[in-house]
């Protein structure tokens, strides 16, 4: 009987957590009235969180040197947050019902591009890759780094499609490196 009781309690807890996650996801998709004044970004984020009851994860030292624009209107919480960070170069992420502000995608993509650039330079030195082809790919990877930073600044995020495109570029370069080893 204790096993049955434990199973019922555990099942009830899982259903409750799933319902909470589902309702939070719906909340993020429902426009609400937002009115955040222009301010230092860390303060604007706190005002946003207070108005929306949304949890926001950010490092004060990362965001405090930026200013937000005014954001006013009926917006979904993620869209309102994107409007707050747009132009700063910071990114908005929704992970496990928490809104996060960071530069994670840019860092990951730029690090991968830099690593591949260095590997290509080494392959040129070791005469494993044509200098012309390698330099073309090094320049292409440089464009990736510029592009991801520019997109994050303009949009407030890096889209899945953009990440997939960068991933294809990385695979092409890796295939070139693997072929010539």
N, C-alpha and C. Protein backbone atom coordinates (compact mmCIF):
# COMPACT_ATOMS: atom_id res chain seq x y z
N UNK A 1 0.82 -1.20 0.00
CA UNK A 1 0.00 0.00 0.00
C UNK A 1 0.86 1.26 0.00
N UNK A 2 2.01 1.25 0.69
CA UNK A 2 2.90 2.41 0.70
C UNK A 2 3.44 2.71 -0.69
N UNK A 3 3.71 1.64 -1.48
CA UNK A 3 4.20 1.86 -2.84
C UNK A 3 3.13 2.54 -3.69
N UNK A 4 1.90 2.13 -3.54
CA UNK A 4 0.81 2.74 -4.28
C UNK A 4 0.64 4.20 -3.88
N UNK A 5 0.70 4.47 -2.59
CA UNK A 5 0.55 5.84 -2.09
C UNK A 5 1.70 6.72 -2.62
N UNK A 6 2.93 6.19 -2.61
CA UNK A 6 4.09 6.93 -3.13
C UNK A 6 3.94 7.21 -4.61
N UNK A 7 3.44 6.21 -5.35
CA UNK A 7 3.22 6.37 -6.78
C UNK A 7 2.20 7.46 -7.06
N UNK A 8 1.11 7.46 -6.32
CA UNK A 8 0.06 8.47 -6.50
C UNK A 8 0.59 9.86 -6.19
N UNK A 9 1.36 9.98 -5.11
CA UNK A 9 1.93 11.29 -4.75
C UNK A 9 2.90 11.75 -5.83
N UNK A 10 3.79 10.85 -6.28
CA UNK A 10 4.76 11.21 -7.31
C UNK A 10 4.07 11.59 -8.61
N UNK A 11 3.04 10.84 -9.00
CA UNK A 11 2.30 11.14 -10.22
C UNK A 11 1.60 12.49 -10.11
N UNK A 12 1.01 12.75 -8.96
CA UNK A 12 0.34 14.03 -8.74
C UNK A 12 1.33 15.19 -8.84
N UNK A 13 2.53 15.00 -8.27
CA UNK A 13 3.56 16.03 -8.32
C UNK A 13 4.00 16.28 -9.76
N UNK A 14 4.20 15.23 -10.53
CA UNK A 14 4.61 15.38 -11.93
C UNK A 14 3.54 16.10 -12.72
N UNK A 15 2.29 15.75 -12.54
CA UNK A 15 1.18 16.41 -13.23
C UNK A 15 1.14 17.89 -12.84
N UNK A 16 1.30 18.17 -11.55
CA UNK A 16 1.27 19.56 -11.08
C UNK A 16 2.42 20.36 -11.69
N UNK A 17 3.63 19.78 -11.74
CA UNK A 17 4.76 20.47 -12.34
C UNK A 17 4.56 20.68 -13.83
N UNK A 18 4.02 19.67 -14.52
CA UNK A 18 3.74 19.82 -15.96
C UNK A 18 2.69 20.90 -16.19
N UNK A 19 1.65 20.94 -15.37
CA UNK A 19 0.62 21.97 -15.50
C UNK A 19 1.21 23.35 -15.25
N UNK A 20 2.10 23.45 -14.23
CA UNK A 20 2.73 24.73 -13.93
C UNK A 20 3.59 25.18 -15.11
N UNK A 21 4.39 24.26 -15.66
CA UNK A 21 5.24 24.60 -16.81
C UNK A 21 4.38 25.00 -18.00
N UNK A 22 3.28 24.26 -18.24
CA UNK A 22 2.39 24.58 -19.35
C UNK A 22 1.76 25.96 -19.16
N UNK A 23 1.30 26.26 -17.95
CA UNK A 23 0.68 27.56 -17.73
C UNK A 23 1.71 28.67 -17.83
N UNK A 24 2.97 28.40 -17.42
CA UNK A 24 4.03 29.41 -17.56
C UNK A 24 4.32 29.65 -19.04
N UNK A 25 4.35 28.58 -19.84
CA UNK A 25 4.57 28.73 -21.28
C UNK A 25 3.45 29.54 -21.91
N UNK A 26 2.21 29.27 -21.51
CA UNK A 26 1.09 30.07 -22.02
C UNK A 26 1.22 31.52 -21.57
N UNK A 27 1.67 31.73 -20.33
CA UNK A 27 1.86 33.08 -19.83
C UNK A 27 2.85 33.83 -20.70
N UNK A 28 3.94 33.16 -21.10
CA UNK A 28 4.95 33.81 -21.93
C UNK A 28 4.42 34.12 -23.31
N UNK A 29 3.33 33.46 -23.73
CA UNK A 29 2.75 33.70 -25.05
C UNK A 29 1.59 34.69 -25.01
N UNK A 30 1.20 35.11 -23.81
CA UNK A 30 0.06 36.00 -23.66
C UNK A 30 0.54 37.44 -23.49
N UNK A 31 0.10 38.35 -24.35
CA UNK A 31 0.49 39.75 -24.18
C UNK A 31 -0.06 40.32 -22.86
N UNK A 32 0.77 41.10 -22.19
CA UNK A 32 0.37 41.79 -20.96
C UNK A 32 0.82 43.24 -21.07
N UNK A 33 0.23 44.07 -20.26
CA UNK A 33 0.56 45.50 -20.28
C UNK A 33 1.93 45.70 -19.64
N UNK A 34 2.83 46.33 -20.39
CA UNK A 34 4.19 46.60 -19.95
C UNK A 34 4.42 48.10 -20.03
N UNK A 35 5.08 48.65 -19.02
CA UNK A 35 5.44 50.07 -19.03
C UNK A 35 6.74 50.25 -18.25
N UNK A 36 7.86 50.09 -18.97
CA UNK A 36 9.17 50.23 -18.34
C UNK A 36 9.82 51.48 -18.92
N UNK A 37 10.25 52.36 -18.04
CA UNK A 37 10.88 53.61 -18.46
C UNK A 37 12.34 53.38 -18.83
N UNK A 38 12.91 54.26 -19.65
CA UNK A 38 14.33 54.12 -19.96
C UNK A 38 15.15 54.28 -18.68
N UNK A 39 16.15 53.44 -18.53
CA UNK A 39 16.95 53.45 -17.30
C UNK A 39 18.21 52.65 -17.54
N UNK A 40 19.04 52.59 -16.52
CA UNK A 40 20.16 51.66 -16.56
C UNK A 40 19.54 50.27 -16.70
N UNK A 41 20.12 49.42 -17.54
CA UNK A 41 19.48 48.16 -17.89
C UNK A 41 19.19 47.28 -16.68
N UNK A 42 20.10 47.21 -15.71
CA UNK A 42 19.83 46.36 -14.55
C UNK A 42 18.58 46.83 -13.80
N UNK A 43 18.40 48.13 -13.70
CA UNK A 43 17.20 48.66 -13.04
C UNK A 43 15.95 48.42 -13.87
N UNK A 44 16.06 48.58 -15.18
CA UNK A 44 14.91 48.33 -16.07
C UNK A 44 14.50 46.87 -16.00
N UNK A 45 15.47 45.96 -15.90
CA UNK A 45 15.15 44.54 -15.80
C UNK A 45 14.41 44.23 -14.50
N UNK A 46 14.81 44.87 -13.43
CA UNK A 46 14.11 44.68 -12.15
C UNK A 46 12.69 45.23 -12.24
N UNK A 47 12.51 46.37 -12.88
CA UNK A 47 11.18 46.94 -13.05
C UNK A 47 10.32 46.00 -13.91
N UNK A 48 10.90 45.48 -14.96
CA UNK A 48 10.21 44.53 -15.83
C UNK A 48 9.78 43.30 -15.04
N UNK A 49 10.69 42.75 -14.28
CA UNK A 49 10.40 41.56 -13.48
C UNK A 49 9.28 41.82 -12.49
N UNK A 50 9.31 42.98 -11.88
CA UNK A 50 8.28 43.35 -10.92
C UNK A 50 6.91 43.47 -11.59
N UNK A 51 6.87 44.05 -12.78
CA UNK A 51 5.60 44.24 -13.49
C UNK A 51 5.02 42.93 -14.03
N UNK A 52 5.91 42.01 -14.39
CA UNK A 52 5.45 40.80 -15.08
C UNK A 52 5.45 39.55 -14.20
N UNK A 53 6.07 39.64 -13.04
CA UNK A 53 6.26 38.46 -12.17
C UNK A 53 7.07 37.38 -12.86
N UNK A 54 7.90 37.76 -13.82
CA UNK A 54 8.77 36.81 -14.52
C UNK A 54 10.13 36.77 -13.82
N UNK A 55 10.67 35.57 -13.73
CA UNK A 55 12.02 35.42 -13.21
C UNK A 55 13.00 35.73 -14.33
N UNK A 56 13.98 36.58 -14.03
CA UNK A 56 14.99 36.93 -15.01
C UNK A 56 16.36 36.65 -14.39
N UNK A 57 17.17 35.90 -15.10
CA UNK A 57 18.53 35.61 -14.66
C UNK A 57 19.49 36.47 -15.46
N UNK A 58 20.30 37.27 -14.75
CA UNK A 58 21.31 38.08 -15.40
C UNK A 58 22.38 38.43 -14.38
N UNK A 59 23.57 38.74 -14.88
CA UNK A 59 24.64 39.19 -14.02
C UNK A 59 24.65 40.72 -14.06
N UNK A 60 24.55 41.31 -12.88
CA UNK A 60 24.50 42.78 -12.80
C UNK A 60 25.70 43.41 -13.49
N UNK A 61 26.89 42.86 -13.27
CA UNK A 61 28.09 43.45 -13.87
C UNK A 61 28.06 43.41 -15.40
N UNK A 62 27.31 42.47 -15.98
CA UNK A 62 27.21 42.36 -17.43
C UNK A 62 26.25 43.40 -17.98
N UNK A 63 25.15 43.67 -17.28
CA UNK A 63 24.10 44.53 -17.84
C UNK A 63 24.13 45.98 -17.35
N UNK A 64 24.81 46.25 -16.24
CA UNK A 64 24.70 47.58 -15.63
C UNK A 64 25.28 48.71 -16.47
N UNK A 65 26.15 48.40 -17.40
CA UNK A 65 26.74 49.47 -18.22
C UNK A 65 25.90 49.82 -19.45
N UNK A 66 24.75 49.17 -19.59
CA UNK A 66 23.86 49.44 -20.71
C UNK A 66 22.64 50.21 -20.25
N UNK A 67 22.04 50.93 -21.18
CA UNK A 67 20.78 51.64 -20.90
C UNK A 67 19.68 50.99 -21.74
N UNK A 68 18.51 50.97 -21.15
CA UNK A 68 17.36 50.42 -21.88
C UNK A 68 16.57 51.57 -22.49
N UNK A 69 15.81 51.22 -23.49
CA UNK A 69 14.84 52.16 -24.06
C UNK A 69 13.53 51.95 -23.31
N UNK A 70 12.62 52.87 -23.49
CA UNK A 70 11.29 52.69 -22.91
C UNK A 70 10.59 51.55 -23.65
N UNK A 71 9.89 50.74 -22.90
CA UNK A 71 9.09 49.67 -23.50
C UNK A 71 7.70 49.79 -22.90
N UNK A 72 6.74 50.02 -23.79
CA UNK A 72 5.38 50.24 -23.33
C UNK A 72 4.41 49.60 -24.32
N UNK A 73 3.40 48.94 -23.78
CA UNK A 73 2.38 48.36 -24.63
C UNK A 73 1.99 46.98 -24.17
N UNK A 74 1.15 46.36 -24.96
CA UNK A 74 0.72 44.99 -24.69
C UNK A 74 1.65 44.04 -25.45
N UNK A 75 2.54 43.40 -24.71
CA UNK A 75 3.55 42.53 -25.30
C UNK A 75 3.67 41.24 -24.50
N UNK A 76 4.12 40.17 -25.16
CA UNK A 76 4.45 38.97 -24.40
C UNK A 76 5.71 39.28 -23.60
N UNK A 77 5.88 38.66 -22.45
CA UNK A 77 7.10 38.94 -21.67
C UNK A 77 8.40 38.75 -22.45
N UNK A 78 8.58 37.66 -23.22
CA UNK A 78 9.84 37.56 -23.97
C UNK A 78 10.03 38.68 -24.99
N UNK A 79 8.96 39.07 -25.69
CA UNK A 79 9.08 40.15 -26.67
C UNK A 79 9.38 41.49 -26.00
N UNK A 80 8.79 41.71 -24.84
CA UNK A 80 9.08 42.95 -24.10
C UNK A 80 10.53 42.96 -23.64
N UNK A 81 11.01 41.83 -23.19
CA UNK A 81 12.39 41.75 -22.74
C UNK A 81 13.36 41.94 -23.90
N UNK A 82 13.04 41.38 -25.04
CA UNK A 82 13.87 41.58 -26.23
C UNK A 82 13.92 43.07 -26.58
N UNK A 83 12.78 43.75 -26.49
CA UNK A 83 12.73 45.19 -26.76
C UNK A 83 13.62 45.96 -25.78
N UNK A 84 13.68 45.49 -24.52
CA UNK A 84 14.53 46.16 -23.52
C UNK A 84 16.01 46.02 -23.83
N UNK A 85 16.44 44.86 -24.34
CA UNK A 85 17.87 44.64 -24.56
C UNK A 85 18.31 44.94 -25.98
N UNK A 86 17.37 45.11 -26.90
CA UNK A 86 17.73 45.37 -28.30
C UNK A 86 18.67 46.57 -28.38
N UNK A 87 19.74 46.41 -29.13
CA UNK A 87 20.72 47.48 -29.30
C UNK A 87 21.90 47.38 -28.35
N UNK A 88 21.81 46.51 -27.35
CA UNK A 88 22.90 46.39 -26.37
C UNK A 88 23.93 45.34 -26.75
N UNK A 89 23.55 44.38 -27.56
CA UNK A 89 24.44 43.26 -27.85
C UNK A 89 24.21 42.09 -26.91
N UNK A 90 23.24 42.24 -26.01
CA UNK A 90 22.88 41.14 -25.11
C UNK A 90 21.79 40.30 -25.77
N UNK A 91 21.65 39.06 -25.30
CA UNK A 91 20.68 38.13 -25.86
C UNK A 91 19.65 37.73 -24.82
N UNK A 92 18.44 37.51 -25.26
CA UNK A 92 17.37 36.99 -24.41
C UNK A 92 17.20 35.50 -24.72
N UNK A 93 17.13 34.70 -23.67
CA UNK A 93 16.89 33.26 -23.79
C UNK A 93 15.76 32.89 -22.84
N UNK A 94 14.91 31.96 -23.25
CA UNK A 94 13.88 31.41 -22.37
C UNK A 94 14.28 29.96 -22.11
N UNK A 95 14.64 29.68 -20.87
CA UNK A 95 15.07 28.33 -20.50
C UNK A 95 14.39 27.92 -19.20
N UNK A 96 13.65 26.83 -19.26
CA UNK A 96 12.99 26.27 -18.09
C UNK A 96 12.19 27.34 -17.32
N UNK A 97 11.38 28.08 -18.05
CA UNK A 97 10.50 29.10 -17.49
C UNK A 97 11.24 30.24 -16.80
N UNK A 98 12.49 30.43 -17.17
CA UNK A 98 13.26 31.57 -16.68
C UNK A 98 13.76 32.34 -17.89
N UNK A 99 13.61 33.64 -17.85
CA UNK A 99 14.15 34.49 -18.91
C UNK A 99 15.59 34.82 -18.54
N UNK A 100 16.51 34.62 -19.46
CA UNK A 100 17.92 34.85 -19.19
C UNK A 100 18.47 35.90 -20.14
N UNK A 101 19.37 36.72 -19.60
CA UNK A 101 20.06 37.74 -20.37
C UNK A 101 21.55 37.42 -20.31
N UNK A 102 22.17 37.24 -21.47
CA UNK A 102 23.60 36.97 -21.52
C UNK A 102 24.10 37.16 -22.94
N UNK A 103 25.30 36.69 -23.20
CA UNK A 103 25.86 36.71 -24.56
C UNK A 103 26.35 35.31 -24.93
N UNK A 104 25.64 34.33 -24.44
CA UNK A 104 26.01 32.93 -24.56
C UNK A 104 26.17 32.47 -26.01
N UNK A 105 25.20 32.77 -26.85
CA UNK A 105 25.27 32.31 -28.25
C UNK A 105 26.45 32.96 -28.98
N UNK A 106 26.64 34.24 -28.76
CA UNK A 106 27.76 34.93 -29.41
C UNK A 106 29.09 34.34 -28.98
N UNK A 107 29.21 34.10 -27.69
CA UNK A 107 30.46 33.54 -27.16
C UNK A 107 30.73 32.16 -27.75
N UNK A 108 29.71 31.32 -27.77
CA UNK A 108 29.86 29.96 -28.30
C UNK A 108 30.25 29.99 -29.78
N UNK A 109 29.55 30.80 -30.56
CA UNK A 109 29.79 30.86 -32.00
C UNK A 109 31.15 31.49 -32.32
N UNK A 110 31.48 32.58 -31.63
CA UNK A 110 32.77 33.24 -31.88
C UNK A 110 33.94 32.35 -31.46
N UNK A 111 33.79 31.64 -30.36
CA UNK A 111 34.85 30.74 -29.90
C UNK A 111 35.08 29.62 -30.92
N UNK A 112 34.00 29.03 -31.41
CA UNK A 112 34.11 27.96 -32.41
C UNK A 112 34.75 28.49 -33.70
N UNK A 113 34.33 29.67 -34.14
CA UNK A 113 34.89 30.26 -35.37
C UNK A 113 36.38 30.55 -35.19
N UNK A 114 36.77 31.09 -34.05
CA UNK A 114 38.18 31.40 -33.79
C UNK A 114 39.02 30.13 -33.75
N UNK A 115 38.50 29.10 -33.11
CA UNK A 115 39.20 27.82 -33.04
C UNK A 115 39.43 27.26 -34.44
N UNK A 116 38.40 27.31 -35.27
CA UNK A 116 38.53 26.82 -36.65
C UNK A 116 39.50 27.67 -37.47
N UNK A 117 39.48 28.98 -37.25
CA UNK A 117 40.43 29.86 -37.94
C UNK A 117 41.87 29.47 -37.59
N UNK A 118 42.11 29.25 -36.30
CA UNK A 118 43.46 28.88 -35.86
C UNK A 118 43.87 27.51 -36.42
N UNK A 119 42.92 26.59 -36.47
CA UNK A 119 43.20 25.27 -37.02
C UNK A 119 43.52 25.36 -38.51
N UNK A 120 42.79 26.22 -39.22
CA UNK A 120 43.08 26.43 -40.65
C UNK A 120 44.46 27.04 -40.85
N UNK A 121 44.83 27.99 -40.02
CA UNK A 121 46.16 28.62 -40.13
C UNK A 121 47.25 27.57 -39.92
N UNK A 122 47.02 26.69 -38.96
CA UNK A 122 47.99 25.63 -38.70
C UNK A 122 48.05 24.65 -39.88
N UNK A 123 46.89 24.38 -40.46
CA UNK A 123 46.85 23.48 -41.63
C UNK A 123 47.59 24.09 -42.82
N UNK A 124 47.55 25.41 -42.96
CA UNK A 124 48.31 26.09 -44.02
C UNK A 124 49.80 25.90 -43.76
N UNK A 125 50.22 26.15 -42.51
CA UNK A 125 51.64 26.00 -42.16
C UNK A 125 52.13 24.58 -42.42
N UNK A 126 51.28 23.61 -42.11
CA UNK A 126 51.65 22.21 -42.29
C UNK A 126 51.41 21.72 -43.73
N UNK A 127 50.99 22.64 -44.59
CA UNK A 127 50.72 22.37 -46.00
C UNK A 127 49.70 21.24 -46.19
N UNK A 128 48.70 21.23 -45.35
CA UNK A 128 47.65 20.21 -45.42
C UNK A 128 46.41 20.73 -46.16
N UNK A 129 46.33 22.07 -46.29
CA UNK A 129 45.19 22.69 -46.95
C UNK A 129 45.74 23.77 -47.88
N UNK A 130 45.11 23.92 -49.01
CA UNK A 130 45.48 24.97 -49.95
C UNK A 130 45.34 26.33 -49.27
N UNK A 131 46.36 27.16 -49.42
CA UNK A 131 46.35 28.49 -48.79
C UNK A 131 45.17 29.32 -49.28
N UNK A 132 44.86 29.24 -50.56
CA UNK A 132 43.75 30.01 -51.13
C UNK A 132 42.42 29.59 -50.51
N UNK A 133 42.18 28.29 -50.48
CA UNK A 133 40.91 27.79 -49.92
C UNK A 133 40.84 28.08 -48.42
N UNK A 134 41.93 27.84 -47.71
CA UNK A 134 41.94 28.08 -46.26
C UNK A 134 41.70 29.55 -45.94
N UNK A 135 42.34 30.44 -46.69
CA UNK A 135 42.15 31.88 -46.43
C UNK A 135 40.72 32.30 -46.71
N UNK A 136 40.10 31.71 -47.73
CA UNK A 136 38.70 32.00 -48.01
C UNK A 136 37.83 31.59 -46.82
N UNK A 137 38.11 30.41 -46.27
CA UNK A 137 37.34 29.92 -45.12
C UNK A 137 37.64 30.73 -43.86
N UNK A 138 38.88 31.16 -43.69
CA UNK A 138 39.23 32.01 -42.54
C UNK A 138 38.44 33.31 -42.60
N UNK A 139 38.35 33.89 -43.80
CA UNK A 139 37.57 35.12 -43.97
C UNK A 139 36.08 34.87 -43.73
N UNK A 140 35.59 33.75 -44.20
CA UNK A 140 34.19 33.39 -43.99
C UNK A 140 33.89 33.25 -42.49
N UNK A 141 34.81 32.65 -41.75
CA UNK A 141 34.63 32.51 -40.30
C UNK A 141 34.71 33.88 -39.60
N UNK A 142 35.52 34.78 -40.14
CA UNK A 142 35.57 36.14 -39.62
C UNK A 142 34.23 36.84 -39.81
N UNK A 143 33.60 36.60 -40.97
CA UNK A 143 32.27 37.16 -41.24
C UNK A 143 31.23 36.58 -40.29
N UNK A 144 31.36 35.32 -39.96
CA UNK A 144 30.45 34.69 -39.00
C UNK A 144 30.53 35.42 -37.66
N UNK A 145 31.75 35.69 -37.20
CA UNK A 145 31.93 36.37 -35.90
C UNK A 145 31.33 37.77 -35.92
N UNK A 146 31.54 38.49 -37.01
CA UNK A 146 30.95 39.83 -37.12
C UNK A 146 29.43 39.77 -37.19
N UNK A 147 28.94 38.81 -37.95
CA UNK A 147 27.51 38.67 -38.18
C UNK A 147 26.75 38.34 -36.89
N UNK A 148 27.25 37.40 -36.11
CA UNK A 148 26.54 36.99 -34.89
C UNK A 148 26.47 38.14 -33.89
N UNK A 149 27.54 38.91 -33.78
CA UNK A 149 27.54 40.06 -32.87
C UNK A 149 26.56 41.12 -33.36
N UNK A 150 26.57 41.37 -34.67
CA UNK A 150 25.66 42.36 -35.25
C UNK A 150 24.20 41.94 -35.08
N UNK A 151 23.91 40.67 -35.36
CA UNK A 151 22.53 40.19 -35.22
C UNK A 151 22.03 40.28 -33.78
N UNK A 152 22.87 39.88 -32.85
CA UNK A 152 22.46 39.95 -31.44
C UNK A 152 22.18 41.39 -31.04
N UNK A 153 22.98 42.29 -31.53
CA UNK A 153 22.77 43.70 -31.19
C UNK A 153 21.47 44.23 -31.81
N UNK A 154 21.22 43.90 -33.06
CA UNK A 154 20.02 44.38 -33.75
C UNK A 154 18.74 43.73 -33.23
N UNK A 155 18.82 42.42 -32.92
CA UNK A 155 17.61 41.65 -32.61
C UNK A 155 17.37 41.41 -31.13
N UNK A 156 18.45 41.35 -30.34
CA UNK A 156 18.31 40.97 -28.94
C UNK A 156 18.33 39.46 -28.74
N UNK A 157 18.67 38.71 -29.76
CA UNK A 157 18.77 37.25 -29.71
C UNK A 157 19.44 36.78 -30.99
N UNK A 158 19.83 35.51 -31.00
CA UNK A 158 20.34 34.85 -32.20
C UNK A 158 19.36 33.72 -32.48
N UNK A 159 18.73 33.75 -33.65
CA UNK A 159 17.68 32.77 -33.95
C UNK A 159 18.24 31.37 -34.20
N UNK A 160 17.37 30.40 -34.09
CA UNK A 160 17.74 29.01 -34.36
C UNK A 160 18.21 28.84 -35.81
N UNK A 161 17.57 29.54 -36.73
CA UNK A 161 17.96 29.45 -38.14
C UNK A 161 19.36 30.01 -38.35
N UNK A 162 19.66 31.10 -37.69
CA UNK A 162 21.00 31.70 -37.81
C UNK A 162 22.05 30.77 -37.20
N UNK A 163 21.74 30.18 -36.05
CA UNK A 163 22.67 29.23 -35.43
C UNK A 163 22.89 28.03 -36.34
N UNK A 164 21.83 27.57 -36.98
CA UNK A 164 21.95 26.43 -37.90
C UNK A 164 22.84 26.80 -39.09
N UNK A 165 22.69 28.01 -39.58
CA UNK A 165 23.52 28.47 -40.71
C UNK A 165 25.00 28.51 -40.31
N UNK A 166 25.27 29.04 -39.13
CA UNK A 166 26.65 29.07 -38.65
C UNK A 166 27.17 27.64 -38.47
N UNK A 167 26.32 26.77 -37.98
CA UNK A 167 26.70 25.37 -37.80
C UNK A 167 27.07 24.71 -39.12
N UNK A 168 26.33 25.04 -40.18
CA UNK A 168 26.66 24.49 -41.51
C UNK A 168 28.04 24.99 -41.97
N UNK A 169 28.32 26.26 -41.73
CA UNK A 169 29.63 26.80 -42.09
C UNK A 169 30.73 26.06 -41.33
N UNK A 170 30.52 25.84 -40.04
CA UNK A 170 31.51 25.12 -39.23
C UNK A 170 31.72 23.70 -39.75
N UNK A 171 30.63 23.04 -40.14
CA UNK A 171 30.74 21.67 -40.67
C UNK A 171 31.51 21.65 -41.98
N UNK A 172 31.28 22.64 -42.84
CA UNK A 172 32.02 22.71 -44.10
C UNK A 172 33.52 22.85 -43.84
N UNK A 173 33.87 23.72 -42.91
CA UNK A 173 35.28 23.93 -42.59
C UNK A 173 35.86 22.65 -41.98
N UNK A 174 35.13 22.03 -41.08
CA UNK A 174 35.60 20.81 -40.44
C UNK A 174 35.79 19.69 -41.47
N UNK A 175 34.86 19.63 -42.43
CA UNK A 175 34.96 18.62 -43.49
C UNK A 175 36.24 18.86 -44.32
N UNK A 176 36.53 20.12 -44.61
CA UNK A 176 37.76 20.47 -45.33
C UNK A 176 38.98 20.04 -44.53
N UNK A 177 38.97 20.30 -43.26
CA UNK A 177 40.11 19.93 -42.40
C UNK A 177 40.24 18.42 -42.29
N UNK A 178 39.13 17.73 -42.15
CA UNK A 178 39.16 16.26 -42.02
C UNK A 178 39.63 15.60 -43.32
N UNK A 179 39.21 16.16 -44.44
CA UNK A 179 39.56 15.59 -45.75
C UNK A 179 41.06 15.67 -46.00
N UNK A 180 41.67 16.74 -45.55
CA UNK A 180 43.07 16.96 -45.86
C UNK A 180 44.02 16.49 -44.76
N UNK A 181 43.58 15.58 -43.92
CA UNK A 181 44.47 15.05 -42.87
C UNK A 181 45.01 13.72 -43.22
